[in-house]
Amino acid sequence: MQESAPTPIVYLKRGCPFCMKVRLFLLEAGLLPEVDIKAFDPDTPDERSVSEELAPHFEKITYPSVKLSEGEYINGSDDIIALFAKRQGLDVGTFGTLQDYTEGVFEHLVRLYRENIELKARLG
């Protein structure tokens, strides 16, 4: 009997525009039932727990991140989307909602998100 591949675990930080991009892709691709989503709020014990889990696998922890199998992890929204699209034989360019997001509000959200992080760092 052949063992099935483990279900990927997708780590998403709420409010993160990169995480939203991956979530939109998974939704539009119909892949949400194929993954386990671990969504958490920033600056919470849940985020610290996820960060501790991911720390041994990345030089720098960023979100979104995915645990593909034991010891196999990937991060970076574009890399995650590309991997899942390739595995499913999908053309991401045909995903209208994802394209609207990335070509529309995404850049504005990224700028605001980064400004917020810098402001928090300055205020300590």
Protein backbone atom coordinates (compact mmCIF):
# COMPACT_ATOMS: atom_id res chain seq x y z
CA MET A 1 0.00 0.00 0.00
CA GLN A 2 1.38 3.41 -1.00
CA GLU A 3 1.60 6.11 1.66
CA SER A 4 0.00 9.42 0.76
CA ALA A 5 2.01 12.61 0.88
CA PRO A 6 1.61 14.66 4.04
CA THR A 7 -0.78 17.60 3.96
CA PRO A 8 1.19 20.86 3.60
CA ILE A 9 0.84 23.30 6.50
CA VAL A 10 0.59 26.93 5.40
CA TYR A 11 1.56 29.51 8.05
CA LEU A 12 -0.20 32.85 7.51
CA LYS A 13 0.13 36.01 9.58
CA ARG A 14 -3.13 37.96 9.66
CA GLY A 15 -2.78 41.41 8.14
CA CYS A 16 0.23 40.43 6.02
CA PRO A 17 -0.28 41.32 2.34
CA PHE A 18 2.07 38.51 1.22
CA CYS A 19 0.05 35.98 3.23
CA MET A 20 -3.16 37.31 1.70
CA LYS A 21 -1.66 36.79 -1.75
CA VAL A 22 -1.01 33.10 -1.01
CA ARG A 23 -4.46 32.68 0.56
CA LEU A 24 -6.10 34.21 -2.53
CA PHE A 25 -4.12 31.90 -4.78
CA LEU A 26 -5.07 28.81 -2.76
CA LEU A 27 -8.72 29.85 -2.77
CA GLU A 28 -8.86 30.66 -6.47
CA ALA A 29 -6.96 27.48 -7.36
CA GLY A 30 -9.37 25.38 -5.28
CA LEU A 31 -6.47 24.14 -3.14
CA LEU A 32 -7.70 25.17 0.32
CA PRO A 33 -9.00 21.63 1.03
CA GLU A 34 -5.52 20.29 0.15
CA VAL A 35 -3.65 22.25 2.85
CA ASP A 36 -3.86 22.98 6.57
CA ILE A 37 -3.89 26.70 7.28
CA LYS A 38 -2.29 27.92 10.51
CA ALA A 39 -3.30 31.58 10.68
CA PHE A 40 -2.24 33.70 13.62
CA ASP A 41 -2.29 37.30 14.76
CA PRO A 42 0.99 39.23 14.90
CA ASP A 43 2.76 39.73 18.22
CA THR A 44 0.91 36.91 19.98
CA PRO A 45 1.95 33.68 21.68
CA ASP A 46 0.69 31.86 18.57
CA GLU A 47 3.16 33.77 16.39
CA ARG A 48 5.99 33.06 18.82
CA SER A 49 5.12 29.36 18.78
CA VAL A 50 5.12 29.24 14.97
CA SER A 51 8.39 31.20 14.84
CA GLU A 52 10.02 28.72 17.21
CA GLU A 53 8.85 25.85 15.01
CA LEU A 54 10.19 27.49 11.83
CA ALA A 55 13.46 28.87 13.23
CA PRO A 56 15.56 25.74 12.64
CA HIS A 57 14.52 25.66 8.97
CA PHE A 58 15.12 29.24 7.84
CA GLU A 59 17.95 31.72 8.18
CA LYS A 60 15.28 34.41 8.48
CA ILE A 61 11.66 33.65 9.33
CA THR A 62 9.19 35.32 6.99
CA TYR A 63 5.55 34.79 6.25
CA PRO A 64 3.96 33.10 4.52
CA SER A 65 5.83 29.85 5.09
CA VAL A 66 4.86 26.27 4.28
CA LYS A 67 5.83 22.96 5.80
CA LEU A 68 5.69 20.59 2.83
CA SER A 69 6.82 17.49 4.73
CA GLU A 70 9.00 16.65 7.71
CA GLY A 71 12.10 18.82 7.39
CA GLU A 72 10.99 20.36 4.07
CA TYR A 73 9.93 24.00 4.25
CA ILE A 74 9.53 26.90 1.84
CA ASN A 75 8.77 30.58 2.31
CA GLY A 76 8.18 33.58 0.11
CA SER A 77 4.77 34.17 -1.43
CA ASP A 78 5.94 33.99 -5.05
CA ASP A 79 7.93 30.79 -4.45
CA ILE A 80 5.01 29.17 -2.63
CA ILE A 81 2.55 30.09 -5.37
CA ALA A 82 4.94 28.90 -8.09
CA LEU A 83 5.48 25.55 -6.35
CA PHE A 84 1.79 24.80 -5.83
CA ALA A 85 0.92 26.00 -9.36
CA LYS A 86 3.61 23.79 -10.88
CA ARG A 87 2.51 20.76 -8.86
CA GLN A 88 -1.08 21.24 -10.09
CA GLY A 89 -0.20 22.27 -13.65
CA LEU A 90 -1.85 25.67 -13.20
CA ASP A 91 -1.23 28.90 -15.08
CA VAL A 92 -1.28 31.62 -12.40
CA GLY A 93 -1.72 34.24 -15.13
CA THR A 94 -5.29 33.02 -15.62
CA PHE A 95 -6.30 33.74 -12.01
CA GLY A 96 -8.24 36.98 -12.29
CA THR A 97 -8.73 37.68 -8.58
CA LEU A 98 -5.07 37.06 -7.79
CA GLN A 99 -4.01 39.27 -10.69
CA ASP A 100 -6.38 42.05 -9.58
CA TYR A 101 -4.90 41.88 -6.09
CA THR A 102 -1.24 41.80 -7.13
CA GLU A 103 -1.62 44.44 -9.83
CA GLY A 104 -3.89 46.61 -7.69
CA VAL A 105 -3.91 47.10 -3.94
CA PHE A 106 -1.03 44.72 -3.14
CA GLU A 107 1.77 47.26 -3.68
CA HIS A 108 -0.03 49.86 -1.55
CA LEU A 109 -0.61 47.31 1.21
CA VAL A 110 3.04 46.21 1.12
CA ARG A 111 4.21 49.82 1.48
CA LEU A 112 1.87 50.43 4.43
CA TYR A 113 2.82 47.10 6.00
CA ARG A 114 6.55 47.90 5.81
CA GLU A 115 6.02 51.44 7.12
CA ASN A 116 4.11 49.97 10.07
CA ILE A 117 6.95 47.53 10.83
CA GLU A 118 9.53 50.34 10.67
CA LEU A 119 7.43 52.55 12.92
CA LYS A 120 7.02 49.77 15.49
CA ALA A 121 10.78 49.16 15.44
CA ARG A 122 11.52 52.84 16.01
CA LEU A 123 9.05 53.09 18.88
CA GLY A 124 10.48 49.96 20.48
